[in-house]
Amino acid sequence: MTVRFFHTSDWHLGQFFYNHSRHYEHEQFLAWLLEQIKAKQPHALLIAGDIFDVINPSSQAQKQLYQFLADAHNLAPHMQTLMIAGNHDSGYRIEQVEPLLEKYNAKAVGVIRWNQ
């Protein structure tokens, strides 16, 4: 059996570059990624860090992420998604929506907890 997964990182949703919003560029990238998910039907999607550009992202940036997760789930309901916080992300912020993520077959790892 072949296992297919997509690996991506450094989206930096909500980023401003020289006072210019990159929202449109992010929309185009996410639309392209949704097309790839629809065509390839991967088993898993790994988003490895720097999902947002700052630890306190705008509501627009958060909505962009959650809309993507909903759309991706509609296109490939079997696909598992794993998001890992990067140095630009708040690990607590991406983990706080865990009940929502479960509905989209997604999980977030934001904070490392040590078992002693």
Protein backbone atom coordinates (compact mmCIF):
# COMPACT_ATOMS: atom_id res chain seq x y z
CA MET A 1 0.00 0.00 0.00
CA THR A 2 1.29 3.43 -0.91
CA VAL A 3 1.05 6.17 1.68
CA ARG A 4 0.92 9.73 0.39
CA PHE A 5 1.48 12.79 2.52
CA PHE A 6 2.05 16.45 1.89
CA HIS A 7 4.56 18.43 3.91
CA THR A 8 4.44 22.20 4.07
CA SER A 9 5.58 24.93 6.43
CA ASP A 10 6.18 28.63 6.92
CA TRP A 11 2.82 29.93 5.78
CA HIS A 12 3.14 33.10 7.89
CA LEU A 13 -0.58 33.84 7.62
CA GLY A 14 -1.35 37.43 8.57
CA GLN A 15 2.03 38.71 7.43
CA PHE A 16 2.61 42.28 6.33
CA PHE A 17 5.64 42.87 4.12
CA TYR A 18 6.74 46.50 4.01
CA ASN A 19 3.23 47.53 5.17
CA HIS A 20 1.64 45.45 2.41
CA SER A 21 -0.78 42.67 3.42
CA ARG A 22 0.06 39.29 1.94
CA HIS A 23 -3.52 38.02 2.46
CA TYR A 24 -4.17 37.71 -1.28
CA GLU A 25 -0.94 35.73 -1.82
CA HIS A 26 -1.87 33.42 1.03
CA GLU A 27 -5.36 32.94 -0.44
CA GLN A 28 -3.80 31.97 -3.77
CA PHE A 29 -1.40 29.52 -2.13
CA LEU A 30 -4.16 27.90 -0.06
CA ALA A 31 -6.40 27.61 -3.14
CA TRP A 32 -3.53 25.90 -4.99
CA LEU A 33 -2.93 23.55 -2.04
CA LEU A 34 -6.63 22.65 -1.97
CA GLU A 35 -6.42 21.78 -5.69
CA GLN A 36 -3.46 19.50 -4.96
CA ILE A 37 -5.31 17.83 -2.09
CA LYS A 38 -8.34 17.25 -4.31
CA ALA A 39 -6.23 15.79 -7.13
CA LYS A 40 -3.76 13.69 -5.09
CA GLN A 41 -5.94 12.69 -2.10
CA PRO A 42 -3.05 12.40 0.37
CA HIS A 43 -3.42 10.34 3.53
CA ALA A 44 -1.86 13.09 5.66
CA LEU A 45 -0.95 16.76 5.60
CA LEU A 46 1.85 18.05 7.83
CA ILE A 47 2.04 21.78 8.45
CA ALA A 48 5.42 22.12 10.16
CA GLY A 49 5.60 25.46 11.88
CA ASP A 50 5.16 29.17 11.35
CA ILE A 51 1.52 28.80 10.45
CA PHE A 52 1.00 32.40 11.54
CA ASP A 53 3.44 35.28 11.27
CA VAL A 54 3.02 36.45 14.86
CA ILE A 55 2.01 34.80 18.13
CA ASN A 56 -1.15 36.90 18.30
CA PRO A 57 -2.50 36.66 14.74
CA SER A 58 -5.39 38.71 13.45
CA SER A 59 -8.85 37.21 13.36
CA GLN A 60 -8.59 37.34 9.55
CA ALA A 61 -5.46 35.15 9.62
CA GLN A 62 -7.06 32.69 12.02
CA LYS A 63 -10.20 32.51 9.89
CA GLN A 64 -8.02 31.85 6.85
CA LEU A 65 -6.45 28.83 8.55
CA TYR A 66 -9.71 27.40 9.87
CA GLN A 67 -11.49 27.88 6.54
CA PHE A 68 -8.64 26.04 4.83
CA LEU A 69 -8.94 23.14 7.30
CA ALA A 70 -12.70 22.91 6.70
CA ASP A 71 -12.28 23.04 2.91
CA ALA A 72 -9.47 20.47 2.96
CA HIS A 73 -11.59 18.12 5.06
CA ASN A 74 -14.49 18.44 2.61
CA LEU A 75 -12.18 17.53 -0.28
CA ALA A 76 -10.39 14.66 1.50
CA PRO A 77 -12.30 13.58 4.64
CA HIS A 78 -9.95 10.64 5.20
CA MET A 79 -6.86 12.90 5.30
CA GLN A 80 -5.25 13.46 8.68
CA THR A 81 -3.74 16.89 9.33
CA LEU A 82 -1.00 17.60 11.85
CA MET A 83 0.02 21.16 12.65
CA ILE A 84 3.19 21.83 14.64
CA ALA A 85 3.87 25.24 16.14
CA GLY A 86 6.93 27.12 14.96
CA ASN A 87 8.87 29.97 16.50
CA HIS A 88 6.39 32.53 15.09
CA ASP A 89 3.37 30.68 16.51
CA SER A 90 1.82 30.54 19.95
CA GLY A 91 1.76 26.84 20.78
CA TYR A 92 -1.06 27.43 23.24
CA ARG A 93 -3.09 29.29 20.60
CA ILE A 94 -2.96 26.52 18.01
CA GLU A 95 -3.77 23.88 20.63
CA GLN A 96 -6.72 25.76 22.16
CA VAL A 97 -9.03 24.85 19.28
CA GLU A 98 -8.45 21.11 19.64
CA PRO A 99 -12.20 20.27 19.82
CA LEU A 100 -12.72 22.08 16.51
CA LEU A 101 -9.71 20.40 14.94
CA GLU A 102 -10.97 16.92 15.86
CA LYS A 103 -14.01 17.50 13.64
CA TYR A 104 -11.64 17.98 10.69
CA ASN A 105 -9.44 14.98 11.48
CA ALA A 106 -6.70 17.41 12.51
CA LYS A 107 -4.36 17.74 15.48
CA ALA A 108 -2.11 20.53 16.71
CA VAL A 109 1.10 20.14 18.67
CA GLY A 110 2.06 23.44 20.16
CA VAL A 111 3.54 22.79 23.57
CA ILE A 112 5.97 20.04 24.55
CA ARG A 113 5.03 18.51 27.88
CA TRP A 114 7.67 16.56 29.75
CA ASN A 115 6.66 13.40 31.60
CA GLN A 116 8.70 12.95 34.75
